[in-house]
Amino acid sequence: MRPEPFGALLYHFGTRKLSFLKNRTILAVVQSLADHPDARTALRAAGVEDAALGPYLHALSVLTGSNMLVPADAEEAA
């Protein structure tokens, strides 16, 4: 992940896929995921209200589906 004025760039070296994080809240959540037991806790810590979780959970799901985000235990096993 490379910080940029608009948010961040994510690059997957295996697939050569490039993703953009243009929302500073989702960037803060991605950066803090390791500090929280789950994504919902990270989202709440970033100030996302329960009623607004949907789009953020979807964004995290897309990043996980493209292997831009992987569970910490999967990284350790690799």
N, C-alpha and C. Protein backbone atom coordinates (compact mmCIF):
# COMPACT_ATOMS: atom_id res chain seq x y z
N MET A 1 0.85 -1.17 0.00
CA MET A 1 0.00 0.00 0.00
C MET A 1 0.90 1.23 0.00
N ARG A 2 0.58 2.14 -0.91
CA ARG A 2 1.34 3.38 -1.00
C ARG A 2 0.42 4.56 -0.76
N PRO A 3 0.67 5.33 0.30
CA PRO A 3 -0.16 6.51 0.56
C PRO A 3 -0.06 7.52 -0.58
N GLU A 4 -1.18 8.14 -0.88
CA GLU A 4 -1.27 9.17 -1.91
C GLU A 4 -2.15 10.29 -1.38
N PRO A 5 -2.09 11.49 -1.97
CA PRO A 5 -2.94 12.59 -1.50
C PRO A 5 -4.43 12.25 -1.53
N PHE A 6 -4.87 11.41 -2.46
CA PHE A 6 -6.29 11.07 -2.57
C PHE A 6 -6.68 9.90 -1.68
N GLY A 7 -5.71 9.18 -1.11
CA GLY A 7 -5.97 7.99 -0.31
C GLY A 7 -4.78 7.06 -0.36
N ALA A 8 -4.87 6.01 -1.21
CA ALA A 8 -3.75 5.07 -1.33
C ALA A 8 -3.88 4.22 -2.59
N LEU A 9 -2.75 3.72 -3.02
CA LEU A 9 -2.68 2.74 -4.10
C LEU A 9 -2.33 1.40 -3.47
N LEU A 10 -2.99 0.35 -3.93
CA LEU A 10 -2.66 -1.01 -3.50
C LEU A 10 -2.22 -1.78 -4.73
N TYR A 11 -1.13 -2.51 -4.62
CA TYR A 11 -0.62 -3.28 -5.74
C TYR A 11 -0.38 -4.70 -5.29
N HIS A 12 -0.89 -5.65 -6.06
CA HIS A 12 -0.68 -7.07 -5.77
C HIS A 12 0.40 -7.56 -6.72
N PHE A 13 1.56 -7.93 -6.19
CA PHE A 13 2.68 -8.32 -7.03
C PHE A 13 2.44 -9.63 -7.77
N GLY A 14 1.62 -10.51 -7.22
CA GLY A 14 1.33 -11.78 -7.88
C GLY A 14 0.43 -11.64 -9.09
N THR A 15 -0.62 -10.85 -8.95
CA THR A 15 -1.58 -10.69 -10.05
C THR A 15 -1.36 -9.41 -10.85
N ARG A 16 -0.49 -8.55 -10.34
CA ARG A 16 -0.21 -7.24 -10.95
C ARG A 16 -1.45 -6.35 -10.99
N LYS A 17 -2.36 -6.61 -10.08
CA LYS A 17 -3.59 -5.81 -10.01
C LYS A 17 -3.34 -4.56 -9.18
N LEU A 18 -3.89 -3.47 -9.63
CA LEU A 18 -3.78 -2.19 -8.95
C LEU A 18 -5.16 -1.77 -8.47
N SER A 19 -5.26 -1.37 -7.22
CA SER A 19 -6.52 -0.87 -6.67
C SER A 19 -6.26 0.50 -6.05
N PHE A 20 -7.30 1.31 -6.03
CA PHE A 20 -7.23 2.64 -5.46
C PHE A 20 -8.16 2.73 -4.26
N LEU A 21 -7.68 3.31 -3.18
CA LEU A 21 -8.54 3.63 -2.04
C LEU A 21 -8.70 5.15 -2.06
N LYS A 22 -9.87 5.59 -2.45
CA LYS A 22 -10.11 7.03 -2.57
C LYS A 22 -10.91 7.58 -1.39
N ASN A 23 -11.27 6.72 -0.48
CA ASN A 23 -12.04 7.11 0.69
C ASN A 23 -11.12 7.01 1.90
N ARG A 24 -10.91 8.12 2.57
CA ARG A 24 -9.96 8.13 3.70
C ARG A 24 -10.42 7.26 4.86
N THR A 25 -11.72 7.09 5.01
CA THR A 25 -12.22 6.23 6.09
C THR A 25 -11.84 4.79 5.82
N ILE A 26 -12.05 4.30 4.61
CA ILE A 26 -11.70 2.91 4.30
C ILE A 26 -10.19 2.74 4.39
N LEU A 27 -9.43 3.75 4.02
CA LEU A 27 -7.98 3.69 4.17
C LEU A 27 -7.59 3.53 5.63
N ALA A 28 -8.20 4.33 6.51
CA ALA A 28 -7.92 4.22 7.94
C ALA A 28 -8.29 2.84 8.47
N VAL A 29 -9.40 2.30 7.99
CA VAL A 29 -9.84 0.97 8.41
C VAL A 29 -8.83 -0.08 7.96
N VAL A 30 -8.43 -0.04 6.70
CA VAL A 30 -7.46 -1.02 6.19
C VAL A 30 -6.16 -0.93 6.98
N GLN A 31 -5.71 0.28 7.28
CA GLN A 31 -4.47 0.45 8.02
C GLN A 31 -4.59 -0.05 9.46
N SER A 32 -5.79 -0.08 10.00
CA SER A 32 -5.96 -0.48 11.41
C SER A 32 -6.48 -1.89 11.60
N LEU A 33 -6.72 -2.63 10.51
CA LEU A 33 -7.30 -3.97 10.64
C LEU A 33 -6.51 -4.87 11.59
N ALA A 34 -5.20 -4.80 11.54
CA ALA A 34 -4.37 -5.66 12.40
C ALA A 34 -4.53 -5.33 13.88
N ASP A 35 -5.04 -4.16 14.19
CA ASP A 35 -5.22 -3.74 15.58
C ASP A 35 -6.56 -4.12 16.16
N HIS A 36 -7.42 -4.74 15.35
CA HIS A 36 -8.78 -5.07 15.79
C HIS A 36 -9.08 -6.54 15.52
N PRO A 37 -9.98 -7.12 16.31
CA PRO A 37 -10.29 -8.54 16.13
C PRO A 37 -11.06 -8.85 14.84
N ASP A 38 -11.77 -7.85 14.29
CA ASP A 38 -12.53 -8.08 13.06
C ASP A 38 -12.79 -6.75 12.36
N ALA A 39 -13.31 -6.85 11.15
CA ALA A 39 -13.54 -5.66 10.33
C ALA A 39 -14.58 -4.73 10.95
N ARG A 40 -15.64 -5.29 11.49
CA ARG A 40 -16.68 -4.44 12.09
C ARG A 40 -16.13 -3.60 13.23
N THR A 41 -15.27 -4.18 14.04
CA THR A 41 -14.66 -3.44 15.14
C THR A 41 -13.77 -2.33 14.60
N ALA A 42 -13.01 -2.62 13.55
CA ALA A 42 -12.16 -1.60 12.92
C ALA A 42 -13.01 -0.48 12.34
N LEU A 43 -14.12 -0.83 11.72
CA LEU A 43 -15.02 0.18 11.16
C LEU A 43 -15.62 1.06 12.25
N ARG A 44 -16.05 0.44 13.32
CA ARG A 44 -16.63 1.22 14.43
C ARG A 44 -15.58 2.13 15.05
N ALA A 45 -14.33 1.64 15.18
CA ALA A 45 -13.26 2.46 15.73
C ALA A 45 -12.95 3.65 14.82
N ALA A 46 -13.20 3.50 13.53
CA ALA A 46 -12.99 4.59 12.57
C ALA A 46 -14.17 5.55 12.53
N GLY A 47 -15.19 5.29 13.34
CA GLY A 47 -16.34 6.18 13.42
C GLY A 47 -17.48 5.87 12.49
N VAL A 48 -17.45 4.68 11.86
CA VAL A 48 -18.54 4.29 10.95
C VAL A 48 -19.70 3.77 11.78
N GLU A 49 -20.85 4.39 11.62
CA GLU A 49 -22.06 3.99 12.35
C GLU A 49 -22.60 2.68 11.79
N ASP A 50 -23.29 1.92 12.63
CA ASP A 50 -23.85 0.63 12.20
C ASP A 50 -24.71 0.76 10.94
N ALA A 51 -25.48 1.83 10.83
CA ALA A 51 -26.36 2.02 9.68
C ALA A 51 -25.57 2.26 8.38
N ALA A 52 -24.31 2.65 8.50
CA ALA A 52 -23.49 2.95 7.32
C ALA A 52 -22.46 1.87 7.01
N LEU A 53 -22.53 0.74 7.70
CA LEU A 53 -21.53 -0.31 7.52
C LEU A 53 -21.54 -0.96 6.14
N GLY A 54 -22.70 -1.07 5.51
CA GLY A 54 -22.86 -1.81 4.26
C GLY A 54 -21.82 -1.52 3.18
N PRO A 55 -21.69 -0.27 2.74
CA PRO A 55 -20.72 0.01 1.68
C PRO A 55 -19.27 -0.29 2.08
N TYR A 56 -18.96 -0.07 3.34
CA TYR A 56 -17.60 -0.34 3.81
C TYR A 56 -17.32 -1.84 3.86
N LEU A 57 -18.29 -2.61 4.33
CA LEU A 57 -18.12 -4.07 4.35
C LEU A 57 -18.01 -4.60 2.93
N HIS A 58 -18.77 -4.01 2.01
CA HIS A 58 -18.68 -4.42 0.61
C HIS A 58 -17.28 -4.12 0.06
N ALA A 59 -16.76 -2.94 0.33
CA ALA A 59 -15.42 -2.55 -0.14
C ALA A 59 -14.36 -3.51 0.40
N LEU A 60 -14.46 -3.85 1.68
CA LEU A 60 -13.50 -4.79 2.28
C LEU A 60 -13.65 -6.17 1.66
N SER A 61 -14.88 -6.55 1.34
CA SER A 61 -15.13 -7.84 0.70
C SER A 61 -14.50 -7.89 -0.69
N VAL A 62 -14.62 -6.81 -1.44
CA VAL A 62 -14.01 -6.74 -2.77
C VAL A 62 -12.50 -6.83 -2.66
N LEU A 63 -11.92 -6.12 -1.71
CA LEU A 63 -10.47 -6.17 -1.52
C LEU A 63 -10.01 -7.56 -1.10
N THR A 64 -10.80 -8.23 -0.28
CA THR A 64 -10.47 -9.60 0.13
C THR A 64 -10.62 -10.56 -1.04
N GLY A 65 -11.68 -10.41 -1.81
CA GLY A 65 -11.91 -11.28 -2.95
C GLY A 65 -10.82 -11.19 -4.01
N SER A 66 -10.18 -10.03 -4.11
CA SER A 66 -9.10 -9.85 -5.08
C SER A 66 -7.73 -10.13 -4.46
N ASN A 67 -7.73 -10.62 -3.23
CA ASN A 67 -6.50 -10.93 -2.48
C ASN A 67 -5.64 -9.71 -2.19
N MET A 68 -6.23 -8.53 -2.24
CA MET A 68 -5.52 -7.32 -1.81
C MET A 68 -5.41 -7.31 -0.29
N LEU A 69 -6.44 -7.87 0.36
CA LEU A 69 -6.42 -8.06 1.81
C LEU A 69 -6.49 -9.55 2.07
N VAL A 70 -5.65 -10.02 2.95
CA VAL A 70 -5.68 -11.43 3.34
C VAL A 70 -5.63 -11.50 4.86
N PRO A 71 -6.28 -12.51 5.44
CA PRO A 71 -6.23 -12.65 6.90
C PRO A 71 -4.78 -12.81 7.36
N ALA A 72 -4.48 -12.27 8.53
CA ALA A 72 -3.12 -12.32 9.07
C ALA A 72 -2.62 -13.75 9.17
N ASP A 73 -3.49 -14.70 9.55
CA ASP A 73 -3.03 -16.09 9.67
C ASP A 73 -2.68 -16.68 8.30
N ALA A 74 -3.28 -16.20 7.22
CA ALA A 74 -2.95 -16.66 5.88
C ALA A 74 -1.57 -16.14 5.46
N GLU A 75 -1.26 -14.91 5.87
CA GLU A 75 0.06 -14.34 5.58
C GLU A 75 1.14 -15.12 6.29
N GLU A 76 0.90 -15.48 7.54
CA GLU A 76 1.89 -16.20 8.33
C GLU A 76 2.15 -17.59 7.77
N ALA A 77 1.12 -18.20 7.19
CA ALA A 77 1.25 -19.56 6.65
C ALA A 77 2.01 -19.57 5.33
N ALA A 78 2.02 -18.42 4.63
CA ALA A 78 2.66 -18.35 3.31
C ALA A 78 4.17 -18.32 3.38
